[in-house]
Amino acid sequence: MPDHDDKALIWLGNSRDRVRSFPTAARQRSGFELRAIQRGKDPSDWKPMPDVGLGVRELRVHTGEEFRVLYVAKFAEGVYVLHAFEKKTQRTDRNDIDLGKSRFRALVEMRKRNRK
């Protein structure tokens, strides 16, 4: 049960299903780290992803295999999970970057419309 000070976790696109499809250890680690983010803490391993959007971060999950969760926590109303995927190479796949970027742009547009 979230504490009243925790930010909501807001899943965009199929990001929730993607995290749910991770192997058990990666799914549990992702959930633990996302919970910390909701509470305003930094996850144990992350990096900024300015190519995706301003304020977007990549949660890095290491379980023998590599998994990533792209998220934005800078908005007051919640933590937006943009995309989640298994990382199979050193460099993040262009399709994963592009999908995160398009969801971030859609999020920014939606927030602009809702302010009017």
Protein backbone atom coordinates (compact mmCIF):
# COMPACT_ATOMS: atom_id res chain seq x y z
CA MET A 1 0.00 0.00 0.00
CA PRO A 2 1.61 3.31 -1.05
CA ASP A 3 2.25 5.90 1.62
CA HIS A 4 0.45 9.19 1.05
CA ASP A 5 3.78 10.89 0.29
CA ASP A 6 4.73 8.39 -2.41
CA LYS A 7 4.36 9.46 -6.02
CA ALA A 8 2.01 7.44 -8.18
CA LEU A 9 3.60 4.99 -10.62
CA ILE A 10 2.20 5.72 -14.08
CA TRP A 11 2.87 3.15 -16.78
CA LEU A 12 2.95 4.32 -20.40
CA GLY A 13 2.29 2.06 -23.36
CA ASN A 14 3.09 -1.58 -22.64
CA SER A 15 5.82 -0.78 -20.09
CA ARG A 16 4.03 -2.57 -17.23
CA ASP A 17 3.59 -5.74 -19.31
CA ARG A 18 7.25 -5.55 -20.32
CA VAL A 19 8.42 -5.41 -16.69
CA ARG A 20 6.02 -8.23 -15.83
CA SER A 21 7.61 -10.34 -18.58
CA PHE A 22 11.11 -10.01 -17.03
CA PRO A 23 12.48 -13.12 -15.30
CA THR A 24 11.56 -13.24 -11.59
CA ALA A 25 14.81 -11.79 -10.20
CA ALA A 26 14.80 -8.86 -12.66
CA ARG A 27 11.09 -8.20 -12.09
CA GLN A 28 11.55 -8.17 -8.30
CA ARG A 29 14.61 -5.91 -8.51
CA SER A 30 12.78 -3.52 -10.86
CA GLY A 31 9.83 -3.35 -8.47
CA PHE A 32 12.10 -2.70 -5.48
CA GLU A 33 13.95 0.08 -7.31
CA LEU A 34 10.76 1.68 -8.67
CA ARG A 35 9.37 1.72 -5.14
CA ALA A 36 12.45 3.64 -3.95
CA ILE A 37 11.98 6.09 -6.84
CA GLN A 38 8.34 6.61 -5.80
CA ARG A 39 9.63 7.57 -2.37
CA GLY A 40 11.95 10.19 -3.86
CA LYS A 41 15.17 8.18 -3.61
CA ASP A 42 17.63 7.36 -6.36
CA PRO A 43 17.80 3.73 -7.46
CA SER A 44 21.03 1.83 -6.81
CA ASP A 45 22.16 2.00 -10.45
CA TRP A 46 20.91 4.50 -13.02
CA LYS A 47 22.12 6.92 -15.65
CA PRO A 48 20.62 9.99 -17.30
CA MET A 49 19.18 9.48 -20.78
CA PRO A 50 19.13 12.96 -22.35
CA ASP A 51 18.78 11.39 -25.83
CA VAL A 52 15.34 10.18 -24.77
CA GLY A 53 14.25 13.38 -23.03
CA LEU A 54 15.11 15.97 -20.39
CA GLY A 55 14.93 14.32 -16.98
CA VAL A 56 14.62 10.77 -18.33
CA ARG A 57 16.67 8.19 -16.46
CA GLU A 58 17.57 4.60 -17.17
CA LEU A 59 17.18 2.20 -14.24
CA ARG A 60 19.83 -0.49 -14.67
CA VAL A 61 18.97 -3.97 -13.41
CA HIS A 62 21.74 -6.58 -13.31
CA THR A 63 20.78 -10.21 -12.70
CA GLY A 64 23.30 -12.05 -14.85
CA GLU A 65 21.26 -10.62 -17.70
CA GLU A 66 20.78 -6.89 -18.20
CA PHE A 67 17.42 -5.15 -18.04
CA ARG A 68 16.53 -1.47 -18.30
CA VAL A 69 13.54 0.64 -17.29
CA LEU A 70 13.27 4.18 -18.71
CA TYR A 71 11.43 6.54 -16.42
CA VAL A 72 10.82 10.19 -15.53
CA ALA A 73 10.43 11.19 -11.87
CA LYS A 74 10.63 14.99 -12.15
CA PHE A 75 6.89 15.65 -12.33
CA ALA A 76 4.95 16.20 -9.09
CA GLU A 77 2.04 13.94 -10.00
CA GLY A 78 4.02 10.75 -10.43
CA VAL A 79 6.82 8.60 -11.75
CA TYR A 80 6.23 7.82 -15.42
CA VAL A 81 7.58 4.51 -16.70
CA LEU A 82 8.22 5.04 -20.40
CA HIS A 83 9.67 1.71 -21.50
CA ALA A 84 11.28 -1.48 -20.21
CA PHE A 85 13.49 -3.94 -22.08
CA GLU A 86 16.26 -6.50 -21.93
CA LYS A 87 19.59 -5.07 -23.00
CA LYS A 88 21.58 -7.54 -25.08
CA THR A 89 24.47 -5.38 -26.30
CA GLN A 90 26.76 -2.63 -24.95
CA ARG A 91 24.87 0.04 -26.83
CA THR A 92 21.16 0.61 -26.19
CA ASP A 93 19.18 -0.42 -29.27
CA ARG A 94 17.98 2.53 -31.35
CA ASN A 95 14.40 1.15 -31.33
CA ASP A 96 14.34 1.25 -27.51
CA ILE A 97 15.64 4.84 -27.48
CA ASP A 98 13.12 5.89 -30.14
CA LEU A 99 10.20 4.26 -28.33
CA GLY A 100 11.18 5.97 -25.05
CA LYS A 101 11.56 9.26 -26.89
CA SER A 102 8.14 9.06 -28.57
CA ARG A 103 6.44 8.18 -25.26
CA PHE A 104 8.25 11.05 -23.54
CA ARG A 105 7.13 13.50 -26.26
CA ALA A 106 3.54 12.23 -25.95
CA LEU A 107 3.73 12.67 -22.16
CA VAL A 108 4.96 16.26 -22.47
CA GLU A 109 2.18 17.04 -24.98
CA MET A 110 -0.47 15.45 -22.73
CA ARG A 111 0.72 17.49 -19.73
CA LYS A 112 0.61 20.71 -21.83
CA ARG A 113 -2.97 19.99 -22.94
CA ASN A 114 -4.07 19.23 -19.38
CA ARG A 115 -2.71 22.56 -18.10
CA LYS A 116 -4.88 24.58 -20.47
